[in-house]
C-alpha atoms as a PDB file:
ATOM      1  CA  VAL A   1       0.000   0.000   0.000  1.00  0.00           C
ATOM      2  CA  PRO A   2       1.450   3.406  -0.942  1.00  0.00           C
ATOM      3  CA  PRO A   3       2.286   5.761   1.937  1.00  0.00           C
ATOM      4  CA  ALA A   4      -0.510   7.974   3.262  1.00  0.00           C
ATOM      5  CA  LEU A   5      -3.235   6.044   1.423  1.00  0.00           C
ATOM      6  CA  VAL A   6      -6.270   6.326   3.691  1.00  0.00           C
ATOM      7  CA  ALA A   7      -8.906   4.544   1.576  1.00  0.00           C
ATOM      8  CA  TYR A   8      -9.099   2.626  -1.691  1.00  0.00           C
ATOM      9  CA  TYR A   9     -12.226   1.283  -3.333  1.00  0.00           C
ATOM     10  CA  ASN A  10     -12.114  -1.030  -6.343  1.00  0.00           C
ATOM     11  CA  PHE A  11     -15.716  -2.298  -6.071  1.00  0.00           C
ATOM     12  CA  GLU A  12     -14.642  -5.928  -6.434  1.00  0.00           C
ATOM     13  CA  ARG A  13     -15.680  -7.096  -2.960  1.00  0.00           C
ATOM     14  CA  SER A  14     -18.494  -4.765  -2.000  1.00  0.00           C
ATOM     15  CA  SER A  15     -21.845  -6.139  -0.870  1.00  0.00           C
ATOM     16  CA  GLY A  16     -25.147  -4.788   0.371  1.00  0.00           C
ATOM     17  CA  ASN A  17     -24.718  -1.115   1.209  1.00  0.00           C
ATOM     18  CA  SER A  18     -21.119  -1.510   2.342  1.00  0.00           C
ATOM     19  CA  VAL A  19     -18.161  -0.523   0.154  1.00  0.00           C
ATOM     20  CA  ALA A  20     -15.049  -2.437   1.182  1.00  0.00           C
ATOM     21  CA  ASP A  21     -11.836  -0.456   1.688  1.00  0.00           C
ATOM     22  CA  GLN A  22      -8.964  -2.321   0.013  1.00  0.00           C
ATOM     23  CA  GLY A  23      -6.394  -0.341   2.009  1.00  0.00           C
ATOM     24  CA  SER A  24      -5.213  -1.152   5.512  1.00  0.00           C
ATOM     25  CA  TRP A  25      -7.279   1.491   7.327  1.00  0.00           C
ATOM     26  CA  GLY A  26     -10.705  -0.132   7.220  1.00  0.00           C
ATOM     27  CA  ASN A  27     -12.430   3.036   6.027  1.00  0.00           C
ATOM     28  CA  THR A  28     -15.513   1.272   4.748  1.00  0.00           C
ATOM     29  CA  GLY A  29     -17.885   3.412   2.707  1.00  0.00           C
ATOM     30  CA  THR A  30     -21.637   3.289   3.257  1.00  0.00           C
ATOM     31  CA  VAL A  31     -24.133   3.627   0.419  1.00  0.00           C
ATOM     32  CA  THR A  32     -26.760   6.155   1.508  1.00  0.00           C
ATOM     33  CA  ARG A  33     -28.726   6.233  -1.772  1.00  0.00           C
ATOM     34  CA  PRO A  34     -29.085   2.548  -2.673  1.00  0.00           C
ATOM     35  CA  ASP A  35     -31.615   3.186  -5.458  1.00  0.00           C
ATOM     36  CA  GLN A  36     -29.116   5.387  -7.296  1.00  0.00           C
ATOM     37  CA  THR A  37     -25.888   3.543  -6.410  1.00  0.00           C
ATOM     38  CA  THR A  38     -25.187   0.146  -7.984  1.00  0.00           C
ATOM     39  CA  LEU A  39     -22.142  -1.683  -6.624  1.00  0.00           C
ATOM     40  CA  GLY A  40     -20.342  -4.433  -8.521  1.00  0.00           C
ATOM     41  CA  VAL A  41     -21.401  -3.449 -12.032  1.00  0.00           C
ATOM     42  CA  SER A  42     -19.690  -5.638 -14.615  1.00  0.00           C
ATOM     43  CA  GLY A  43     -17.003  -3.890 -16.669  1.00  0.00           C
ATOM     44  CA  GLY A  44     -14.652  -1.668 -14.671  1.00  0.00           C
ATOM     45  CA  ALA A  45     -11.806   0.484 -15.923  1.00  0.00           C
ATOM     46  CA  PRO A  46      -9.884  -1.664 -18.444  1.00  0.00           C
ATOM     47  CA  GLU A  47      -6.542  -0.067 -17.566  1.00  0.00           C
ATOM     48  CA  GLY A  48      -7.110  -0.088 -13.817  1.00  0.00           C
ATOM     49  CA  PRO A  49      -5.708  -2.822 -11.562  1.00  0.00           C
ATOM     50  CA  SER A  50      -9.106  -4.514 -11.034  1.00  0.00           C
ATOM     51  CA  PRO A  51     -11.116  -4.182 -14.257  1.00  0.00           C
ATOM     52  CA  ALA A  52     -13.850  -6.737 -13.496  1.00  0.00           C
ATOM     53  CA  THR A  53     -16.365  -4.457 -11.777  1.00  0.00           C
ATOM     54  CA  ALA A  54     -17.145  -0.799 -11.067  1.00  0.00           C
ATOM     55  CA  VAL A  55     -19.840   1.252  -9.315  1.00  0.00           C
ATOM     56  CA  ASP A  56     -22.645   2.946 -11.239  1.00  0.00           C
ATOM     57  CA  LEU A  57     -23.548   6.289  -9.680  1.00  0.00           C
ATOM     58  CA  GLN A  58     -26.683   8.029 -10.938  1.00  0.00           C
ATOM     59  CA  ASP A  59     -26.662  10.906  -8.470  1.00  0.00           C
ATOM     60  CA  GLY A  60     -25.823   8.165  -5.982  1.00  0.00           C
ATOM     61  CA  LEU A  61     -24.015   8.666  -2.702  1.00  0.00           C
ATOM     62  CA  ILE A  62     -21.377   6.918  -0.592  1.00  0.00           C
ATOM     63  CA  ASN A  63     -20.486   8.305   2.827  1.00  0.00           C
ATOM     64  CA  VAL A  64     -16.907   7.879   4.079  1.00  0.00           C
ATOM     65  CA  PRO A  65     -17.011   8.916   7.748  1.00  0.00           C
ATOM     66  CA  GLY A  66     -13.644   7.389   8.668  1.00  0.00           C
ATOM     67  CA  VAL A  67     -11.494   9.786   6.613  1.00  0.00           C
ATOM     68  CA  ASP A  68     -10.815  12.870   8.731  1.00  0.00           C
ATOM     69  CA  ILE A  69     -10.890  15.971   6.527  1.00  0.00           C
ATOM     70  CA  THR A  70     -10.708  18.441   9.434  1.00  0.00           C
ATOM     71  CA  PRO A  71      -6.985  19.199   8.832  1.00  0.00           C
ATOM     72  CA  ILE A  72      -7.773  20.003   5.179  1.00  0.00           C
ATOM     73  CA  ILE A  73     -10.609  22.346   6.156  1.00  0.00           C
ATOM     74  CA  GLN A  74      -8.296  24.048   8.668  1.00  0.00           C
ATOM     75  CA  GLY A  75      -5.682  24.630   5.951  1.00  0.00           C
ATOM     76  CA  GLU A  76      -3.031  22.320   7.403  1.00  0.00           C
ATOM     77  CA  GLY A  77      -3.892  19.114   5.580  1.00  0.00           C
ATOM     78  CA  SER A  78      -3.526  18.032   1.960  1.00  0.00           C
ATOM     79  CA  TYR A  79      -5.279  15.500  -0.246  1.00  0.00           C
ATOM     80  CA  THR A  80      -5.106  13.520  -3.437  1.00  0.00           C
ATOM     81  CA  PHE A  81      -8.385  12.063  -4.735  1.00  0.00           C
ATOM     82  CA  SER A  82      -8.225   9.903  -7.838  1.00  0.00           C
ATOM     83  CA  ALA A  83     -10.618   7.720  -9.796  1.00  0.00           C
ATOM     84  CA  TRP A  84     -11.261   6.107 -13.141  1.00  0.00           C
ATOM     85  CA  LEU A  85     -14.415   7.601 -14.650  1.00  0.00           C
ATOM     86  CA  LYS A  86     -16.765   6.660 -17.481  1.00  0.00           C
ATOM     87  CA  PRO A  87     -19.311   9.483 -17.331  1.00  0.00           C
ATOM     88  CA  SER A  88     -22.750   9.052 -18.894  1.00  0.00           C
ATOM     89  CA  ASP A  89     -23.651  12.757 -18.544  1.00  0.00           C
ATOM     90  CA  LEU A  90     -21.233  15.677 -18.890  1.00  0.00           C
ATOM     91  CA  GLY A  91     -23.846  18.421 -18.586  1.00  0.00           C
ATOM     92  CA  GLY A  92     -24.201  20.801 -15.663  1.00  0.00           C
ATOM     93  CA  ASP A  93     -22.705  20.009 -12.268  1.00  0.00           C
ATOM     94  CA  LYS A  94     -21.614  16.388 -11.813  1.00  0.00           C
ATOM     95  CA  PHE A  95     -19.546  16.182  -8.653  1.00  0.00           C
ATOM     96  CA  LEU A  96     -17.765  13.048  -7.459  1.00  0.00           C
ATOM     97  CA  PHE A  97     -15.927  14.127  -4.291  1.00  0.00           C
ATOM     98  CA  GLY A  98     -17.554  16.345  -1.685  1.00  0.00           C
ATOM     99  CA  GLN A  99     -18.234  17.001   1.980  1.00  0.00           C
ATOM    100  CA  SER A 100     -21.403  16.585   3.994  1.00  0.00           C
ATOM    101  CA  SER A 101     -21.538  20.382   4.332  1.00  0.00           C
ATOM    102  CA  GLN A 102     -20.182  22.744   1.638  1.00  0.00           C
ATOM    103  CA  GLY A 103     -16.374  22.630   1.202  1.00  0.00           C
ATOM    104  CA  ILE A 104     -14.754  20.349  -1.372  1.00  0.00           C
ATOM    105  CA  HIS A 105     -16.651  19.688  -4.600  1.00  0.00           C
ATOM    106  CA  ASN A 106     -14.497  18.055  -7.251  1.00  0.00           C
ATOM    107  CA  GLY A 107     -15.818  16.443 -10.412  1.00  0.00           C
ATOM    108  CA  ILE A 108     -17.174  17.636 -13.770  1.00  0.00           C
ATOM    109  CA  ARG A 109     -18.651  21.098 -14.339  1.00  0.00           C
ATOM    110  CA  ASN A 110     -19.340  23.914 -16.794  1.00  0.00           C
ATOM    111  CA  GLY A 111     -20.178  21.793 -19.813  1.00  0.00           C
ATOM    112  CA  GLY A 112     -17.644  19.015 -19.495  1.00  0.00           C
ATOM    113  CA  PHE A 113     -14.465  20.130 -17.717  1.00  0.00           C
ATOM    114  CA  LEU A 114     -12.810  18.442 -14.766  1.00  0.00           C
ATOM    115  CA  HIS A 115     -13.355  20.888 -11.917  1.00  0.00           C
ATOM    116  CA  GLN A 116     -11.786  21.442  -8.503  1.00  0.00           C
ATOM    117  CA  ALA A 117     -13.708  23.614  -6.066  1.00  0.00           C
ATOM    118  CA  HIS A 118     -13.453  24.431  -2.356  1.00  0.00           C
ATOM    119  CA  TRP A 119     -16.691  26.439  -1.979  1.00  0.00           C
ATOM    120  CA  GLY A 120     -15.465  29.691  -3.426  1.00  0.00           C
ATOM    121  CA  ALA A 121     -12.157  28.639  -5.031  1.00  0.00           C
ATOM    122  CA  ASP A 122     -13.534  27.108  -8.219  1.00  0.00           C
ATOM    123  CA  THR A 123     -11.425  26.159 -11.242  1.00  0.00           C
ATOM    124  CA  ASN A 124     -11.863  24.220 -14.467  1.00  0.00           C
ATOM    125  CA  GLY A 125      -9.284  22.023 -16.073  1.00  0.00           C
ATOM    126  CA  ALA A 126      -8.132  22.989 -19.566  1.00  0.00           C
ATOM    127  CA  THR A 127      -9.624  20.051 -21.468  1.00  0.00           C
ATOM    128  CA  ASN A 128     -13.267  19.750 -22.479  1.00  0.00           C
ATOM    129  CA  LEU A 129     -14.152  16.100 -21.930  1.00  0.00           C
ATOM    130  CA  ASN A 130     -16.794  16.031 -24.677  1.00  0.00           C
ATOM    131  CA  GLY A 131     -14.217  16.101 -27.467  1.00  0.00           C
ATOM    132  CA  TYR A 132     -11.632  14.246 -25.418  1.00  0.00           C
ATOM    133  CA  LEU A 133     -13.923  11.278 -24.758  1.00  0.00           C
ATOM    134  CA  GLU A 134     -15.085  11.133 -28.370  1.00  0.00           C
ATOM    135  CA  ALA A 135     -11.504  10.345 -29.324  1.00  0.00           C
ATOM    136  CA  ASP A 136     -11.016   7.907 -26.418  1.00  0.00           C
ATOM    137  CA  GLU A 137     -11.402   4.265 -27.378  1.00  0.00           C
ATOM    138  CA  ASP A 138     -12.778   2.809 -24.142  1.00  0.00           C
ATOM    139  CA  LYS A 139     -14.456   6.050 -22.891  1.00  0.00           C
ATOM    140  CA  TRP A 140     -12.728   5.744 -19.509  1.00  0.00           C
ATOM    141  CA  ILE A 141     -10.562   8.554 -18.141  1.00  0.00           C
ATOM    142  CA  HIS A 142      -8.376   8.793 -15.064  1.00  0.00           C
ATOM    143  CA  ALA A 143      -8.933  11.944 -13.000  1.00  0.00           C
ATOM    144  CA  ALA A 144      -6.908  13.143 -10.029  1.00  0.00           C
ATOM    145  CA  PHE A 145      -7.529  16.179  -7.831  1.00  0.00           C
ATOM    146  CA  VAL A 146      -4.616  17.333  -5.664  1.00  0.00           C
ATOM    147  CA  TYR A 147      -4.469  19.991  -2.951  1.00  0.00           C
ATOM    148  CA  ASP A 148      -1.308  21.042  -1.114  1.00  0.00           C
ATOM    149  CA  GLY A 149      -2.543  22.691   2.072  1.00  0.00           C
ATOM    150  CA  GLU A 150       0.786  24.206   3.058  1.00  0.00           C
ATOM    151  CA  ALA A 151       1.319  25.853  -0.328  1.00  0.00           C
ATOM    152  CA  ASP A 152      -2.400  26.509  -0.979  1.00  0.00           C
ATOM    153  CA  LYS A 153      -1.982  24.971  -4.411  1.00  0.00           C
ATOM    154  CA  GLY A 154      -4.452  22.896  -6.405  1.00  0.00           C
ATOM    155  CA  GLN A 155      -3.882  20.582  -9.354  1.00  0.00           C
ATOM    156  CA  ILE A 156      -6.110  18.616 -11.710  1.00  0.00           C
ATOM    157  CA  TYR A 157      -4.726  15.674 -13.694  1.00  0.00           C
ATOM    158  CA  LEU A 158      -6.406  14.048 -16.693  1.00  0.00           C
ATOM    159  CA  ASP A 159      -4.995  10.648 -17.666  1.00  0.00           C
ATOM    160  CA  GLY A 160      -1.815  11.453 -15.758  1.00  0.00           C
ATOM    161  CA  VAL A 161      -1.245  14.806 -17.482  1.00  0.00           C
ATOM    162  CA  LEU A 162      -1.494  18.099 -15.590  1.00  0.00           C
ATOM    163  CA  ASP A 163      -4.717  19.787 -16.779  1.00  0.00           C
ATOM    164  CA  TRP A 164      -4.686  22.754 -14.374  1.00  0.00           C
ATOM    165  CA  GLU A 165      -2.502  24.117 -11.582  1.00  0.00           C
ATOM    166  CA  GLY A 166      -2.835  27.244  -9.472  1.00  0.00           C
ATOM    167  CA  GLY A 167      -3.673  28.908  -6.183  1.00  0.00           C
ATOM    168  CA  LYS A 168      -6.405  27.258  -4.130  1.00  0.00           C
ATOM    169  CA  ARG A 169      -7.455  28.136  -0.608  1.00  0.00           C
ATOM    170  CA  ALA A 170      -8.535  25.629   2.004  1.00  0.00           C
ATOM    171  CA  PRO A 171     -12.088  24.324   1.646  1.00  0.00           C
ATOM    172  CA  GLN A 172     -14.796  25.811   3.806  1.00  0.00           C
ATOM    173  CA  GLY A 173     -17.626  23.841   5.328  1.00  0.00           C
ATOM    174  CA  SER A 174     -17.568  20.857   7.646  1.00  0.00           C
ATOM    175  CA  GLY A 175     -18.506  17.227   7.963  1.00  0.00           C
ATOM    176  CA  THR A 176     -17.251  14.039   6.401  1.00  0.00           C
ATOM    177  CA  LEU A 177     -16.025  13.059   2.963  1.00  0.00           C
ATOM    178  CA  ILE A 178     -18.708  11.940   0.530  1.00  0.00           C
ATOM    179  CA  ILE A 179     -18.412  10.262  -2.880  1.00  0.00           C
ATOM    180  CA  GLY A 180     -21.026  10.991  -5.525  1.00  0.00           C
ATOM    181  CA  GLY A 181     -21.974  14.627  -4.910  1.00  0.00           C
ATOM    182  CA  ARG A 182     -21.336  17.817  -2.970  1.00  0.00           C
ATOM    183  CA  ASN A 183     -22.801  19.548   0.101  1.00  0.00           C
ATOM    184  CA  GLY A 184     -24.411  16.405   1.521  1.00  0.00           C
ATOM    185  CA  GLY A 185     -25.373  15.007  -1.884  1.00  0.00           C
ATOM    186  CA  GLU A 186     -26.234  17.747  -4.386  1.00  0.00           C
ATOM    187  CA  ALA A 187     -25.337  17.851  -8.075  1.00  0.00           C
ATOM    188  CA  GLY A 188     -24.206  14.255  -8.290  1.00  0.00           C
ATOM    189  CA  TYR A 189     -21.975  12.489 -10.784  1.00  0.00           C
ATOM    190  CA  ARG A 190     -23.607  10.151 -13.335  1.00  0.00           C
ATOM    191  CA  GLY A 191     -21.762   7.212 -14.824  1.00  0.00           C
ATOM    192  CA  LEU A 192     -19.343   4.457 -13.897  1.00  0.00           C
ATOM    193  CA  VAL A 193     -16.509   4.916 -11.392  1.00  0.00           C
ATOM    194  CA  ASP A 194     -13.665   2.552 -10.516  1.00  0.00           C
ATOM    195  CA  GLU A 195     -10.458   2.511  -8.460  1.00  0.00           C
ATOM    196  CA  ILE A 196     -11.158   5.409  -6.094  1.00  0.00           C
ATOM    197  CA  GLY A 197      -8.027   6.350  -4.168  1.00  0.00           C
ATOM    198  CA  ILE A 198      -7.883   8.797  -1.255  1.00  0.00           C
ATOM    199  CA  TRP A 199      -4.583  10.014   0.159  1.00  0.00           C
ATOM    200  CA  ASP A 200      -3.899  12.566   2.887  1.00  0.00           C
ATOM    201  CA  VAL A 201      -0.908  14.045   1.054  1.00  0.00           C
ATOM    202  CA  ALA A 202      -0.453  15.932  -2.211  1.00  0.00           C
ATOM    203  CA  LEU A 203       0.992  13.368  -4.618  1.00  0.00           C
ATOM    204  CA  ARG A 204       2.826  14.061  -7.938  1.00  0.00           C
END
């Protein structure tokens, strides 16, 4: 397990409304919108380490109470959130990583751009995913959102390539980390997701 990995979900061994953490921390996720969250969907990210299955989120929601984001909110902590994505809808606000109250909302926004936002520090990546995915054979992309708390710097990576970098202040708000939306579950992502990694450091 890489250093500072606090949760990893590959959706290979999830059952019921419980999402098994493949890391060593036991940060199990809990599905809070079972009708809109389908675990173990056949056909995960072909280039990911466990391509058999993924999760289908249709404005679904997974709560991750075990990952403490208080240091990030206070401006001392950092994060790296990554995932393989096969979006079925690029329109409007489609957030994948959020908090139970305001704060972090990272995902897809503004007509198809990867987007990193901290409730007031909102930035698009450079690449519009509509054209990018048209040219992509398997329609899966790898997205990573990085925040260095000490330097107040944000980064967005698309398929391992830096898509945006710049100043980013600490997220506002409170609560726990959520997967599938923002601000307790608004404006949720739609599509398949696989290989979600959560680190408490700024990687790259």
